[in-house]
C-alpha atoms as a PDB file:
ATOM      1  CA  MET A   1     -20.391 -23.390  39.654  1.00  0.00           C
ATOM      2  CA  THR A   2     -21.296 -21.020  42.442  1.00  0.00           C
ATOM      3  CA  ALA A   3     -19.795 -18.129  40.458  1.00  0.00           C
ATOM      4  CA  ILE A   4     -22.267 -18.816  37.654  1.00  0.00           C
ATOM      5  CA  LEU A   5     -25.204 -18.897  40.056  1.00  0.00           C
ATOM      6  CA  ASP A   6     -23.989 -15.725  41.748  1.00  0.00           C
ATOM      7  CA  GLY A   7     -23.801 -14.030  38.366  1.00  0.00           C
ATOM      8  CA  ILE A   8     -27.342 -15.104  37.485  1.00  0.00           C
ATOM      9  CA  LEU A   9     -28.670 -13.873  40.832  1.00  0.00           C
ATOM     10  CA  ALA A  10     -26.852 -10.548  40.424  1.00  0.00           C
ATOM     11  CA  MET A  11     -28.364 -10.153  36.958  1.00  0.00           C
ATOM     12  CA  LEU A  12     -31.857 -10.839  38.289  1.00  0.00           C
ATOM     13  CA  ARG A  13     -31.409  -8.302  41.105  1.00  0.00           C
ATOM     14  CA  ASN A  14     -29.874  -5.535  38.984  1.00  0.00           C
ATOM     15  CA  HIS A  15     -31.761  -6.062  35.723  1.00  0.00           C
ATOM     16  CA  TRP A  16     -34.986  -7.716  36.843  1.00  0.00           C
ATOM     17  CA  PHE A  17     -36.976  -6.881  33.705  1.00  0.00           C
ATOM     18  CA  TRP A  18     -34.474  -8.431  31.291  1.00  0.00           C
ATOM     19  CA  GLY A  19     -33.847 -11.366  33.592  1.00  0.00           C
ATOM     20  CA  ALA A  20     -37.564 -12.114  33.833  1.00  0.00           C
ATOM     21  CA  THR A  21     -37.986 -11.713  30.070  1.00  0.00           C
ATOM     22  CA  THR A  22     -35.121 -14.117  29.433  1.00  0.00           C
ATOM     23  CA  LEU A  23     -36.526 -16.716  31.834  1.00  0.00           C
ATOM     24  CA  VAL A  24     -40.007 -16.464  30.290  1.00  0.00           C
ATOM     25  CA  CYS A  25     -38.586 -16.876  26.769  1.00  0.00           C
ATOM     26  CA  LEU A  26     -36.439 -19.865  27.761  1.00  0.00           C
ATOM     27  CA  THR A  27     -39.414 -21.519  29.466  1.00  0.00           C
ATOM     28  CA  TRP A  28     -41.674 -20.939  26.453  1.00  0.00           C
ATOM     29  CA  TYR A  29     -39.062 -22.193  23.969  1.00  0.00           C
ATOM     30  CA  SER A  30     -38.343 -25.303  26.045  1.00  0.00           C
ATOM     31  CA  THR A  31     -42.052 -26.085  26.370  1.00  0.00           C
ATOM     32  CA  VAL A  32     -42.686 -25.764  22.635  1.00  0.00           C
ATOM     33  CA  THR A  33     -39.600 -27.835  21.797  1.00  0.00           C
ATOM     34  CA  ILE A  34     -40.609 -30.669  24.119  1.00  0.00           C
ATOM     35  CA  TYR A  35     -44.233 -30.578  22.871  1.00  0.00           C
ATOM     36  CA  VAL A  36     -43.161 -30.792  19.217  1.00  0.00           C
ATOM     37  CA  ALA A  37     -40.683 -33.582  19.967  1.00  0.00           C
ATOM     38  CA  ILE A  38     -43.318 -35.689  21.741  1.00  0.00           C
ATOM     39  CA  LYS A  39     -45.991 -35.148  19.081  1.00  0.00           C
ATOM     40  CA  GLY A  40     -43.473 -35.769  16.285  1.00  0.00           C
ATOM     41  CA  ALA A  41     -42.291 -39.015  17.851  1.00  0.00           C
ATOM     42  CA  ALA A  42     -45.884 -40.212  18.200  1.00  0.00           C
ATOM     43  CA  ASP A  43     -46.609 -39.296  14.578  1.00  0.00           C
ATOM     44  CA  ILE A  44     -43.533 -41.139  13.310  1.00  0.00           C
ATOM     45  CA  ARG A  45     -44.454 -44.174  15.412  1.00  0.00           C
ATOM     46  CA  ASN A  46     -47.956 -44.208  13.877  1.00  0.00           C
ATOM     47  CA  MET A  47     -46.592 -43.874  10.336  1.00  0.00           C
ATOM     48  CA  LEU A  48     -44.146 -46.734  10.877  1.00  0.00           C
ATOM     49  CA  ARG A  49     -46.902 -48.887  12.372  1.00  0.00           C
ATOM     50  CA  LYS A  50     -49.104 -48.271   9.321  1.00  0.00           C
ATOM     51  CA  LEU A  51     -46.252 -49.133   6.981  1.00  0.00           C
ATOM     52  CA  SER A  52     -45.465 -52.360   8.844  1.00  0.00           C
ATOM     53  CA  ASP A  53     -49.158 -53.364   8.852  1.00  0.00           C
ATOM     54  CA  GLY A  54     -49.252 -53.045   5.078  1.00  0.00           C
ATOM     55  CA  ALA A  55     -51.960 -50.415   5.122  1.00  0.00           C
ATOM     56  CA  PRO A  56     -52.720 -49.077   1.663  1.00  0.00           C
ATOM     57  CA  ARG A  57     -51.451 -45.657   0.832  1.00  0.00           C
ATOM     58  CA  SER A  58     -53.941 -42.848   0.752  1.00  0.00           C
ATOM     59  CA  GLN A  59     -55.125 -42.021  -2.718  1.00  0.00           C
ATOM     60  CA  GLU A  60     -54.198 -38.544  -3.776  1.00  0.00           C
ATOM     61  CA  PRO A  61     -56.728 -36.793  -5.982  1.00  0.00           C
ATOM     62  CA  SER A  62     -55.746 -36.945  -9.596  1.00  0.00           C
ATOM     63  CA  VAL A  63     -54.762 -33.683 -11.174  1.00  0.00           C
ATOM     64  CA  GLN A  64     -55.967 -33.079 -14.683  1.00  0.00           C
ATOM     65  CA  VAL A  65     -53.731 -30.975 -16.887  1.00  0.00           C
ATOM     66  CA  ARG A  66     -55.505 -28.985 -19.512  1.00  0.00           C
ATOM     67  CA  GLU A  67     -53.652 -28.495 -22.744  1.00  0.00           C
ATOM     68  CA  GLN A  68     -54.024 -25.236 -24.595  1.00  0.00           C
END
């Protein structure tokens, strides 16, 4: 385990730009993934609650097809 940490620290010292870029990208990706997971779970919970309450489905606008 310490060999892995030593390798990461060596990379950050020798290639600071690419190490910083990698850390920023991993942080951004993790943040977006967690945000989407939380919002998606809340949305699914609301949809299931509406279905269990027997709420009527939303009416989609009717589409008229014109014949030629």
